[in-house]
Amino acid sequence: MFVVGSFVHWRTLALLATILALLQLLLLFFIPESPQWLAKFGCEKELEAALLCLRGDKADISHEAIEIKDYVESLKSFSSEGILDIFQKNYVRPLLTVAGVLVLMNLGGINALTYYSGAIFVSAGVSSMVGLITLAATQILKVRQRIQSLQAGKAKA
């Protein structure tokens, strides 16, 4: 969107974003059910059907289905604490710290840089178009690096 916003009017960009969001909303209805969710509620036939949909009709899903069922059963053995247990007196300070950090991140950091990037590049003597394209390229490289680090982490595990 950084690069597209440099070429089109903001209303066109907003319309494009709305169309993409509506398309994503429509495509949500074609996503198969989560096999783990189905296993959690004991829908074994639907679990196998979802795995076949995800892996292909000719895939051997028996081993994966057993793993998912075992995993769901192991989760049931953990404590039954709920999300409301976080709001206890001994967790007040960590929760306030996290909330404060989130507020500060939104008031500064990458959000401020992104919002004011055009003005920042112009005041630095660089064309705002060149600056925005550079910023977009940097973000793409950052996402690529993050994906590679996640893949490396999975390979080690």
N, C-alpha and C. Protein backbone atom coordinates (compact mmCIF):
# COMPACT_ATOMS: atom_id res chain seq x y z
N MET A 1 0.81 -1.19 0.00
CA MET A 1 0.00 0.00 0.00
C MET A 1 0.86 1.26 0.00
N PHE A 2 2.11 1.15 0.52
CA PHE A 2 2.97 2.33 0.52
C PHE A 2 3.17 2.83 -0.91
N VAL A 3 3.51 1.93 -1.79
CA VAL A 3 3.83 2.31 -3.17
C VAL A 3 2.56 2.71 -3.91
N VAL A 4 1.48 1.97 -3.75
CA VAL A 4 0.23 2.29 -4.44
C VAL A 4 -0.28 3.66 -4.00
N GLY A 5 -0.14 3.98 -2.72
CA GLY A 5 -0.58 5.28 -2.21
C GLY A 5 0.17 6.44 -2.82
N SER A 6 1.33 6.19 -3.36
CA SER A 6 2.11 7.25 -4.01
C SER A 6 1.56 7.59 -5.39
N PHE A 7 0.86 6.66 -6.00
CA PHE A 7 0.40 6.86 -7.37
C PHE A 7 -1.07 7.21 -7.50
N VAL A 8 -1.88 6.86 -6.52
CA VAL A 8 -3.33 7.05 -6.65
C VAL A 8 -3.83 7.98 -5.55
N HIS A 9 -5.01 8.52 -5.79
CA HIS A 9 -5.66 9.42 -4.84
C HIS A 9 -6.07 8.61 -3.60
N TRP A 10 -6.17 9.26 -2.46
CA TRP A 10 -6.46 8.54 -1.22
C TRP A 10 -7.83 7.87 -1.26
N ARG A 11 -8.78 8.46 -1.96
CA ARG A 11 -10.11 7.85 -2.04
C ARG A 11 -10.05 6.55 -2.85
N THR A 12 -9.27 6.55 -3.90
CA THR A 12 -9.10 5.34 -4.69
C THR A 12 -8.41 4.26 -3.85
N LEU A 13 -7.43 4.66 -3.07
CA LEU A 13 -6.73 3.72 -2.20
C LEU A 13 -7.67 3.15 -1.14
N ALA A 14 -8.53 4.00 -0.58
CA ALA A 14 -9.50 3.52 0.41
C ALA A 14 -10.49 2.56 -0.23
N LEU A 15 -10.93 2.85 -1.45
CA LEU A 15 -11.84 1.96 -2.17
C LEU A 15 -11.16 0.63 -2.46
N LEU A 16 -9.91 0.67 -2.88
CA LEU A 16 -9.16 -0.56 -3.14
C LEU A 16 -9.04 -1.40 -1.88
N ALA A 17 -8.71 -0.77 -0.75
CA ALA A 17 -8.59 -1.50 0.51
C ALA A 17 -9.94 -2.09 0.92
N THR A 18 -11.02 -1.36 0.69
CA THR A 18 -12.35 -1.87 1.02
C THR A 18 -12.71 -3.07 0.16
N ILE A 19 -12.41 -2.99 -1.12
CA ILE A 19 -12.70 -4.10 -2.02
C ILE A 19 -11.91 -5.34 -1.61
N LEU A 20 -10.64 -5.16 -1.28
CA LEU A 20 -9.82 -6.29 -0.86
C LEU A 20 -10.33 -6.89 0.45
N ALA A 21 -10.78 -6.04 1.37
CA ALA A 21 -11.32 -6.54 2.64
C ALA A 21 -12.61 -7.32 2.41
N LEU A 22 -13.48 -6.83 1.54
CA LEU A 22 -14.72 -7.54 1.23
C LEU A 22 -14.44 -8.86 0.53
N LEU A 23 -13.46 -8.88 -0.35
CA LEU A 23 -13.07 -10.11 -1.01
C LEU A 23 -12.57 -11.13 0.01
N GLN A 24 -11.77 -10.66 0.95
CA GLN A 24 -11.27 -11.55 2.01
C GLN A 24 -12.43 -12.06 2.85
N LEU A 25 -13.39 -11.22 3.15
CA LEU A 25 -14.55 -11.64 3.92
C LEU A 25 -15.34 -12.72 3.19
N LEU A 26 -15.52 -12.57 1.89
CA LEU A 26 -16.23 -13.59 1.11
C LEU A 26 -15.46 -14.90 1.06
N LEU A 27 -14.14 -14.81 0.94
CA LEU A 27 -13.32 -16.02 0.85
C LEU A 27 -13.24 -16.78 2.18
N LEU A 28 -13.57 -16.12 3.28
CA LEU A 28 -13.57 -16.80 4.58
C LEU A 28 -14.52 -17.98 4.61
N PHE A 29 -15.60 -17.90 3.83
CA PHE A 29 -16.58 -18.97 3.83
C PHE A 29 -16.08 -20.23 3.14
N PHE A 30 -14.97 -20.14 2.41
CA PHE A 30 -14.42 -21.28 1.70
C PHE A 30 -13.25 -21.93 2.44
N ILE A 31 -12.91 -21.41 3.60
CA ILE A 31 -11.83 -22.00 4.39
C ILE A 31 -12.39 -23.20 5.15
N PRO A 32 -11.75 -24.35 5.05
CA PRO A 32 -12.28 -25.52 5.77
C PRO A 32 -12.12 -25.35 7.28
N GLU A 33 -12.92 -26.11 8.01
CA GLU A 33 -12.84 -26.07 9.47
C GLU A 33 -11.44 -26.52 9.93
N SER A 34 -11.04 -26.02 11.07
CA SER A 34 -9.76 -26.40 11.63
C SER A 34 -9.83 -27.83 12.15
N PRO A 35 -8.90 -28.69 11.74
CA PRO A 35 -8.91 -30.07 12.24
C PRO A 35 -8.79 -30.14 13.77
N GLN A 36 -8.03 -29.24 14.38
CA GLN A 36 -7.92 -29.25 15.83
C GLN A 36 -9.23 -28.88 16.50
N TRP A 37 -9.94 -27.92 15.94
CA TRP A 37 -11.23 -27.53 16.50
C TRP A 37 -12.21 -28.70 16.39
N LEU A 38 -12.21 -29.37 15.24
CA LEU A 38 -13.10 -30.50 15.05
C LEU A 38 -12.76 -31.63 16.02
N ALA A 39 -11.47 -31.88 16.26
CA ALA A 39 -11.06 -32.92 17.20
C ALA A 39 -11.46 -32.55 18.62
N LYS A 40 -11.39 -31.28 18.95
CA LYS A 40 -11.75 -30.82 20.29
C LYS A 40 -13.21 -31.11 20.61
N PHE A 41 -14.07 -31.04 19.59
CA PHE A 41 -15.49 -31.26 19.80
C PHE A 41 -15.95 -32.66 19.36
N GLY A 42 -14.98 -33.55 19.10
CA GLY A 42 -15.29 -34.94 18.83
C GLY A 42 -15.89 -35.24 17.47
N CYS A 43 -15.67 -34.39 16.50
CA CYS A 43 -16.20 -34.60 15.14
C CYS A 43 -15.13 -35.32 14.31
N GLU A 44 -15.03 -36.64 14.48
CA GLU A 44 -13.94 -37.38 13.86
C GLU A 44 -14.07 -37.48 12.34
N LYS A 45 -15.28 -37.71 11.84
CA LYS A 45 -15.46 -37.81 10.39
C LYS A 45 -15.18 -36.48 9.72
N GLU A 46 -15.64 -35.38 10.34
CA GLU A 46 -15.37 -34.05 9.79
C GLU A 46 -13.89 -33.72 9.87
N LEU A 47 -13.22 -34.20 10.93
CA LEU A 47 -11.77 -34.00 11.08
C LEU A 47 -11.04 -34.62 9.90
N GLU A 48 -11.39 -35.85 9.59
CA GLU A 48 -10.74 -36.53 8.47
C GLU A 48 -11.06 -35.87 7.14
N ALA A 49 -12.32 -35.41 6.99
CA ALA A 49 -12.70 -34.73 5.76
C ALA A 49 -11.93 -33.41 5.60
N ALA A 50 -11.75 -32.68 6.70
CA ALA A 50 -11.00 -31.42 6.65
C ALA A 50 -9.54 -31.69 6.31
N LEU A 51 -8.95 -32.72 6.90
CA LEU A 51 -7.56 -33.05 6.58
C LEU A 51 -7.40 -33.46 5.12
N LEU A 52 -8.36 -34.23 4.61
CA LEU A 52 -8.31 -34.60 3.19
C LEU A 52 -8.44 -33.38 2.30
N CYS A 53 -9.26 -32.43 2.71
CA CYS A 53 -9.43 -31.20 1.93
C CYS A 53 -8.12 -30.40 1.92
N LEU A 54 -7.45 -30.38 3.06
CA LEU A 54 -6.21 -29.60 3.18
C LEU A 54 -5.01 -30.31 2.54
N ARG A 55 -4.94 -31.62 2.64
CA ARG A 55 -3.77 -32.36 2.17
C ARG A 55 -3.94 -32.98 0.78
N GLY A 56 -5.17 -33.07 0.31
CA GLY A 56 -5.43 -33.72 -0.98
C GLY A 56 -6.17 -35.02 -0.77
N ASP A 57 -6.96 -35.41 -1.74
CA ASP A 57 -7.83 -36.59 -1.58
C ASP A 57 -7.07 -37.89 -1.45
N LYS A 58 -5.87 -37.96 -1.99
CA LYS A 58 -5.12 -39.21 -1.97
C LYS A 58 -4.08 -39.26 -0.84
N ALA A 59 -4.06 -38.27 0.02
CA ALA A 59 -3.06 -38.22 1.09
C ALA A 59 -3.41 -39.18 2.22
N ASP A 60 -2.38 -39.71 2.85
CA ASP A 60 -2.56 -40.57 4.01
C ASP A 60 -2.60 -39.67 5.25
N ILE A 61 -3.77 -39.50 5.81
CA ILE A 61 -3.94 -38.56 6.91
C ILE A 61 -4.10 -39.27 8.26
N SER A 62 -4.03 -40.58 8.27
CA SER A 62 -4.30 -41.33 9.50
C SER A 62 -3.33 -40.95 10.62
N HIS A 63 -2.04 -40.87 10.28
CA HIS A 63 -1.04 -40.54 11.29
C HIS A 63 -1.26 -39.12 11.84
N GLU A 64 -1.54 -38.18 10.93
CA GLU A 64 -1.77 -36.80 11.35
C GLU A 64 -3.04 -36.68 12.18
N ALA A 65 -4.08 -37.41 11.83
CA ALA A 65 -5.34 -37.37 12.59
C ALA A 65 -5.12 -37.89 14.01
N ILE A 66 -4.34 -38.95 14.13
CA ILE A 66 -4.04 -39.50 15.46
C ILE A 66 -3.23 -38.50 16.28
N GLU A 67 -2.25 -37.85 15.65
CA GLU A 67 -1.46 -36.83 16.35
C GLU A 67 -2.34 -35.69 16.85
N ILE A 68 -3.27 -35.24 16.02
CA ILE A 68 -4.15 -34.13 16.41
C ILE A 68 -5.03 -34.56 17.57
N LYS A 69 -5.58 -35.77 17.51
CA LYS A 69 -6.43 -36.26 18.60
C LYS A 69 -5.63 -36.38 19.89
N ASP A 70 -4.41 -36.90 19.80
CA ASP A 70 -3.56 -37.01 20.99
C ASP A 70 -3.23 -35.64 21.57
N TYR A 71 -2.96 -34.70 20.70
CA TYR A 71 -2.64 -33.34 21.14
C TYR A 71 -3.83 -32.70 21.86
N VAL A 72 -5.02 -32.87 21.30
CA VAL A 72 -6.22 -32.31 21.92
C VAL A 72 -6.47 -32.97 23.27
N GLU A 73 -6.26 -34.26 23.36
CA GLU A 73 -6.43 -34.96 24.63
C GLU A 73 -5.41 -34.48 25.66
N SER A 74 -4.18 -34.22 25.21
CA SER A 74 -3.16 -33.74 26.16
C SER A 74 -3.49 -32.33 26.65
N LEU A 75 -4.15 -31.52 25.82
CA LEU A 75 -4.55 -30.19 26.26
C LEU A 75 -5.63 -30.25 27.33
N LYS A 76 -6.48 -31.26 27.25
CA LYS A 76 -7.53 -31.39 28.25
C LYS A 76 -6.97 -31.71 29.63
N SER A 77 -5.79 -32.31 29.68
CA SER A 77 -5.20 -32.67 30.96
C SER A 77 -4.57 -31.47 31.68
N PHE A 78 -4.34 -30.37 30.95
CA PHE A 78 -3.80 -29.17 31.59
C PHE A 78 -4.85 -28.52 32.47
N SER A 79 -4.45 -27.54 33.21
CA SER A 79 -5.37 -26.88 34.13
C SER A 79 -6.52 -26.22 33.37
N SER A 80 -7.61 -26.05 34.05
CA SER A 80 -8.80 -25.48 33.43
C SER A 80 -8.95 -24.00 33.77
N GLU A 81 -7.84 -23.30 33.95
CA GLU A 81 -7.91 -21.88 34.26
C GLU A 81 -8.42 -21.12 33.05
N GLY A 82 -9.13 -20.06 33.30
CA GLY A 82 -9.68 -19.26 32.22
C GLY A 82 -8.91 -17.97 32.04
N ILE A 83 -9.33 -17.18 31.06
CA ILE A 83 -8.67 -15.92 30.75
C ILE A 83 -8.86 -14.91 31.87
N LEU A 84 -9.95 -15.02 32.60
CA LEU A 84 -10.22 -14.06 33.68
C LEU A 84 -9.25 -14.23 34.86
N ASP A 85 -8.57 -15.38 34.92
CA ASP A 85 -7.59 -15.58 35.99
C ASP A 85 -6.39 -14.66 35.86
N ILE A 86 -6.21 -14.04 34.70
CA ILE A 86 -5.11 -13.10 34.51
C ILE A 86 -5.32 -11.85 35.37
N PHE A 87 -6.57 -11.49 35.59
CA PHE A 87 -6.88 -10.25 36.29
C PHE A 87 -6.89 -10.45 37.81
N GLN A 88 -5.81 -10.97 38.33
CA GLN A 88 -5.63 -11.10 39.76
C GLN A 88 -4.68 -10.02 40.24
N LYS A 89 -4.66 -9.81 41.55
CA LYS A 89 -3.87 -8.72 42.11
C LYS A 89 -2.38 -8.85 41.79
N ASN A 90 -1.85 -10.08 41.79
CA ASN A 90 -0.42 -10.24 41.55
C ASN A 90 -0.03 -10.05 40.08
N TYR A 91 -1.01 -9.95 39.18
CA TYR A 91 -0.72 -9.72 37.76
C TYR A 91 -0.96 -8.28 37.32
N VAL A 92 -1.34 -7.40 38.25
CA VAL A 92 -1.69 -6.03 37.88
C VAL A 92 -0.48 -5.31 37.28
N ARG A 93 0.66 -5.39 37.93
CA ARG A 93 1.84 -4.67 37.45
C ARG A 93 2.30 -5.15 36.07
N PRO A 94 2.44 -6.47 35.83
CA PRO A 94 2.82 -6.90 34.48
C PRO A 94 1.81 -6.50 33.41
N LEU A 95 0.52 -6.58 33.73
CA LEU A 95 -0.49 -6.19 32.75
C LEU A 95 -0.42 -4.70 32.42
N LEU A 96 -0.23 -3.88 33.44
CA LEU A 96 -0.09 -2.44 33.20
C LEU A 96 1.18 -2.13 32.41
N THR A 97 2.24 -2.86 32.67
CA THR A 97 3.48 -2.66 31.93
C THR A 97 3.28 -2.99 30.45
N VAL A 98 2.65 -4.11 30.16
CA VAL A 98 2.40 -4.50 28.77
C VAL A 98 1.48 -3.48 28.09
N ALA A 99 0.42 -3.08 28.78
CA ALA A 99 -0.51 -2.10 28.19
C ALA A 99 0.22 -0.78 27.93
N GLY A 100 1.09 -0.35 28.84
CA GLY A 100 1.85 0.88 28.65
C GLY A 100 2.78 0.80 27.47
N VAL A 101 3.45 -0.33 27.32
CA VAL A 101 4.37 -0.51 26.19
C VAL A 101 3.59 -0.48 24.88
N LEU A 102 2.42 -1.12 24.85
CA LEU A 102 1.61 -1.10 23.62
C LEU A 102 1.16 0.31 23.27
N VAL A 103 0.79 1.10 24.27
CA VAL A 103 0.38 2.48 24.01
C VAL A 103 1.57 3.28 23.48
N LEU A 104 2.72 3.12 24.11
CA LEU A 104 3.91 3.86 23.66
C LEU A 104 4.34 3.43 22.25
N MET A 105 4.17 2.16 21.94
CA MET A 105 4.52 1.71 20.58
C MET A 105 3.63 2.37 19.55
N ASN A 106 2.36 2.58 19.88
CA ASN A 106 1.46 3.21 18.92
C ASN A 106 1.66 4.71 18.84
N LEU A 107 2.18 5.32 19.89
CA LEU A 107 2.42 6.76 19.86
C LEU A 107 3.76 7.11 19.20
N GLY A 108 4.61 6.17 19.05
CA GLY A 108 5.92 6.42 18.44
C GLY A 108 6.32 5.22 17.61
N GLY A 109 7.58 5.10 17.34
CA GLY A 109 8.07 3.94 16.63
C GLY A 109 7.66 3.90 15.17
N ILE A 110 7.38 2.69 14.69
CA ILE A 110 7.15 2.48 13.27
C ILE A 110 5.86 3.15 12.80
N ASN A 111 4.85 3.24 13.68
CA ASN A 111 3.60 3.88 13.26
C ASN A 111 3.83 5.36 12.96
N ALA A 112 4.55 6.04 13.83
CA ALA A 112 4.83 7.46 13.59
C ALA A 112 5.73 7.62 12.36
N LEU A 113 6.71 6.76 12.23
CA LEU A 113 7.60 6.83 11.07
C LEU A 113 6.82 6.64 9.77
N THR A 114 5.93 5.66 9.76
CA THR A 114 5.13 5.40 8.56
C THR A 114 4.22 6.57 8.24
N TYR A 115 3.56 7.11 9.26
CA TYR A 115 2.62 8.20 9.03
C TYR A 115 3.32 9.45 8.51
N TYR A 116 4.46 9.80 9.11
CA TYR A 116 5.16 11.02 8.74
C TYR A 116 6.29 10.81 7.74
N SER A 117 6.39 9.62 7.16
CA SER A 117 7.54 9.31 6.31
C SER A 117 7.66 10.26 5.12
N GLY A 118 6.55 10.61 4.49
CA GLY A 118 6.63 11.53 3.35
C GLY A 118 7.24 12.86 3.75
N ALA A 119 6.77 13.44 4.86
CA ALA A 119 7.30 14.72 5.32
C ALA A 119 8.75 14.58 5.79
N ILE A 120 9.08 13.45 6.40
CA ILE A 120 10.45 13.23 6.87
C ILE A 120 11.41 13.19 5.69
N PHE A 121 11.05 12.46 4.64
CA PHE A 121 11.94 12.36 3.48
C PHE A 121 12.07 13.69 2.76
N VAL A 122 10.99 14.45 2.65
CA VAL A 122 11.05 15.75 1.99
C VAL A 122 11.95 16.70 2.78
N SER A 123 11.80 16.71 4.11
CA SER A 123 12.64 17.59 4.92
C SER A 123 14.11 17.16 4.91
N ALA A 124 14.36 15.88 4.58
CA ALA A 124 15.74 15.40 4.48
C ALA A 124 16.32 15.67 3.10
N GLY A 125 15.51 16.23 2.19
CA GLY A 125 16.00 16.56 0.87
C GLY A 125 15.85 15.44 -0.15
N VAL A 126 15.05 14.44 0.17
CA VAL A 126 14.82 13.31 -0.73
C VAL A 126 13.38 13.40 -1.22
N SER A 127 13.16 13.02 -2.44
CA SER A 127 11.80 12.99 -2.97
C SER A 127 10.92 12.08 -2.12
N SER A 128 9.70 12.49 -1.85
CA SER A 128 8.82 11.66 -1.03
C SER A 128 8.51 10.35 -1.73
N MET A 129 8.47 10.34 -3.05
CA MET A 129 8.22 9.12 -3.81
C MET A 129 9.36 8.12 -3.62
N VAL A 130 10.59 8.60 -3.73
CA VAL A 130 11.76 7.73 -3.52
C VAL A 130 11.78 7.23 -2.08
N GLY A 131 11.45 8.10 -1.15
CA GLY A 131 11.43 7.71 0.25
C GLY A 131 10.39 6.65 0.54
N LEU A 132 9.19 6.80 -0.02
CA LEU A 132 8.13 5.82 0.23
C LEU A 132 8.45 4.48 -0.41
N ILE A 133 9.05 4.51 -1.60
CA ILE A 133 9.44 3.24 -2.24
C ILE A 133 10.53 2.56 -1.43
N THR A 134 11.47 3.34 -0.91
CA THR A 134 12.52 2.78 -0.06
C THR A 134 11.93 2.18 1.21
N LEU A 135 10.97 2.89 1.80
CA LEU A 135 10.31 2.39 3.01
C LEU A 135 9.56 1.09 2.71
N ALA A 136 8.86 1.03 1.58
CA ALA A 136 8.15 -0.19 1.20
C ALA A 136 9.11 -1.35 1.00
N ALA A 137 10.22 -1.10 0.33
CA ALA A 137 11.22 -2.15 0.10
C ALA A 137 11.80 -2.64 1.42
N THR A 138 12.03 -1.71 2.33
CA THR A 138 12.55 -2.07 3.65
C THR A 138 11.57 -2.96 4.39
N GLN A 139 10.29 -2.62 4.33
CA GLN A 139 9.27 -3.43 5.00
C GLN A 139 9.19 -4.83 4.38
N ILE A 140 9.30 -4.92 3.07
CA ILE A 140 9.26 -6.22 2.41
C ILE A 140 10.45 -7.07 2.85
N LEU A 141 11.63 -6.47 2.90
CA LEU A 141 12.82 -7.20 3.35
C LEU A 141 12.69 -7.62 4.81
N LYS A 142 12.07 -6.77 5.62
CA LYS A 142 11.87 -7.08 7.03
C LYS A 142 10.94 -8.29 7.19
N VAL A 143 9.87 -8.32 6.43
CA VAL A 143 8.94 -9.45 6.48
C VAL A 143 9.63 -10.72 5.99
N ARG A 144 10.41 -10.60 4.92
CA ARG A 144 11.14 -11.76 4.39
C ARG A 144 12.12 -12.32 5.43
N GLN A 145 12.82 -11.42 6.12
CA GLN A 145 13.77 -11.85 7.14
C GLN A 145 13.04 -12.53 8.29
N ARG A 146 11.88 -12.01 8.67
CA ARG A 146 11.11 -12.60 9.76
C ARG A 146 10.63 -14.00 9.38
N ILE A 147 10.19 -14.18 8.15
CA ILE A 147 9.74 -15.49 7.69
C ILE A 147 10.90 -16.48 7.70
N GLN A 148 12.07 -16.04 7.25
CA GLN A 148 13.23 -16.93 7.24
C GLN A 148 13.64 -17.32 8.65
N SER A 149 13.56 -16.37 9.59
CA SER A 149 13.93 -16.71 10.96
C SER A 149 12.93 -17.68 11.58
N LEU A 150 11.64 -17.54 11.22
CA LEU A 150 10.64 -18.49 11.72
C LEU A 150 10.87 -19.88 11.13
N GLN A 151 11.22 -19.93 9.84
CA GLN A 151 11.49 -21.22 9.21
C GLN A 151 12.72 -21.87 9.80
N ALA A 152 13.72 -21.08 10.12
CA ALA A 152 14.93 -21.62 10.74
C ALA A 152 14.62 -22.17 12.13
N GLY A 153 13.74 -21.48 12.84
CA GLY A 153 13.34 -21.94 14.17
C GLY A 153 12.58 -23.25 14.11
N LYS A 154 11.72 -23.42 13.10
CA LYS A 154 10.98 -24.66 12.93
C LYS A 154 11.90 -25.79 12.54
N ALA A 155 12.94 -25.49 11.75
CA ALA A 155 13.87 -26.53 11.31
C ALA A 155 14.67 -27.08 12.50
N LYS A 156 14.96 -26.21 13.47
CA LYS A 156 15.72 -26.64 14.65
C LYS A 156 14.86 -27.49 15.59
N ALA A 157 13.56 -27.21 15.59
CA ALA A 157 12.67 -27.91 16.54
C ALA A 157 12.35 -29.31 16.12
